[in-house]
């Protein structure tokens, strides 16, 4: 018998939280060894802000591409209907 893997929402949220913490720690470490060598405490504050902006930027980029793709698909649909109507007219005339 096949057992279906059951993962609760709490488990998924815990994994996301852990991934977020690792991201903040990684960014803070990079900032500490590069920009904020004199004051490492600021690195954590800026790392938190940067980690908030990363998903927002990703969502924005996806929406920009989706908007551009929406326009292209609209042109393709309009051209397709135009070609079908033209073929129907040519079939009736010819």
Protein backbone atom coordinates (compact mmCIF):
# COMPACT_ATOMS: atom_id res chain seq x y z
CA UNK A 1 0.00 0.00 0.00
CA UNK A 2 1.30 3.44 -0.91
CA UNK A 3 1.44 5.88 1.95
CA UNK A 4 0.84 9.51 1.03
CA UNK A 5 3.33 11.92 2.58
CA UNK A 6 1.51 14.18 4.98
CA UNK A 7 3.15 17.50 5.77
CA UNK A 8 1.31 19.95 7.95
CA UNK A 9 1.14 23.67 7.33
CA UNK A 10 3.08 24.20 10.56
CA UNK A 11 5.96 22.10 9.23
CA UNK A 12 6.06 24.05 5.99
CA UNK A 13 6.03 27.35 7.90
CA UNK A 14 8.87 26.11 10.12
CA UNK A 15 10.98 25.26 7.06
CA UNK A 16 10.25 28.66 5.51
CA UNK A 17 11.17 30.39 8.76
CA UNK A 18 14.43 28.45 8.98
CA UNK A 19 15.26 29.31 5.37
CA UNK A 20 14.51 32.96 6.08
CA UNK A 21 16.77 32.94 9.13
CA UNK A 22 19.61 31.36 7.15
CA UNK A 23 19.17 34.00 4.46
CA UNK A 24 19.32 36.81 7.03
CA UNK A 25 22.40 35.29 8.67
CA UNK A 26 24.10 34.84 5.32
CA UNK A 27 23.43 38.44 4.25
CA UNK A 28 24.50 39.73 7.69
CA UNK A 29 27.75 37.77 7.46
CA UNK A 30 28.49 39.17 3.99
CA UNK A 31 27.76 42.70 5.21
CA UNK A 32 29.92 42.23 8.33
CA UNK A 33 32.97 41.16 6.39
CA UNK A 34 32.60 43.79 3.67
CA UNK A 35 30.79 47.02 4.47
CA UNK A 36 30.18 47.02 8.25
CA UNK A 37 33.51 45.86 9.63
CA UNK A 38 33.57 48.71 12.13
CA UNK A 39 29.99 48.17 13.40
CA UNK A 40 28.76 44.58 12.86
CA UNK A 41 25.49 45.32 14.70
CA UNK A 42 24.30 47.39 11.76
CA UNK A 43 24.85 44.43 9.45
CA UNK A 44 21.99 42.48 11.06
CA UNK A 45 19.60 45.41 10.77
CA UNK A 46 20.41 45.95 7.12
CA UNK A 47 20.34 42.19 6.44
CA UNK A 48 16.79 42.05 7.78
CA UNK A 49 15.72 44.93 5.54
CA UNK A 50 17.41 43.39 2.51
CA UNK A 51 15.77 40.03 3.19
CA UNK A 52 12.36 41.76 3.21
CA UNK A 53 13.08 43.39 -0.14
CA UNK A 54 14.27 40.21 -1.90
CA UNK A 55 10.83 38.49 -2.15
CA UNK A 56 9.13 41.79 -2.99
CA UNK A 57 11.59 42.31 -5.83
CA UNK A 58 11.02 38.77 -7.07
CA UNK A 59 7.25 39.28 -7.07
CA UNK A 60 7.66 42.59 -8.90
CA UNK A 61 9.85 41.00 -11.58
CA UNK A 62 7.35 38.16 -12.07
CA UNK A 63 4.51 40.68 -12.43
CA UNK A 64 6.48 42.73 -14.95
CA UNK A 65 7.18 39.64 -17.06
CA UNK A 66 3.56 38.50 -16.73
CA UNK A 67 2.36 41.92 -17.86
CA UNK A 68 4.66 41.86 -20.88
CA UNK A 69 3.66 38.28 -21.68
CA UNK A 70 -0.01 39.25 -21.39
CA UNK A 71 0.46 41.91 -24.06
CA UNK A 72 2.28 39.51 -26.41
CA UNK A 73 -0.39 36.82 -25.98
CA UNK A 74 -3.07 39.43 -26.68
CA UNK A 75 -1.38 40.32 -29.97
CA UNK A 76 -1.08 36.64 -30.90
CA UNK A 77 -4.76 36.00 -30.16
CA UNK A 78 -5.83 39.07 -32.17
CA UNK A 79 -3.59 38.04 -35.09
CA UNK A 80 -4.95 34.49 -34.93
CA UNK A 81 -8.57 35.66 -35.10
CA UNK A 82 -7.67 38.05 -37.90
CA UNK A 83 -6.07 35.25 -39.91
CA UNK A 84 -9.06 32.97 -39.35
CA UNK A 85 -11.48 35.67 -40.51
CA UNK A 86 -9.25 36.39 -43.53
CA UNK A 87 -9.12 32.66 -44.41
CA UNK A 88 -12.92 32.43 -44.15
CA UNK A 89 -13.35 35.42 -46.45
CA UNK A 90 -10.83 34.07 -48.96
CA UNK A 91 -12.45 30.63 -48.87
CA UNK A 92 -15.88 32.15 -49.59
CA UNK A 93 -14.58 34.40 -52.39
CA UNK A 94 -12.20 31.92 -54.00
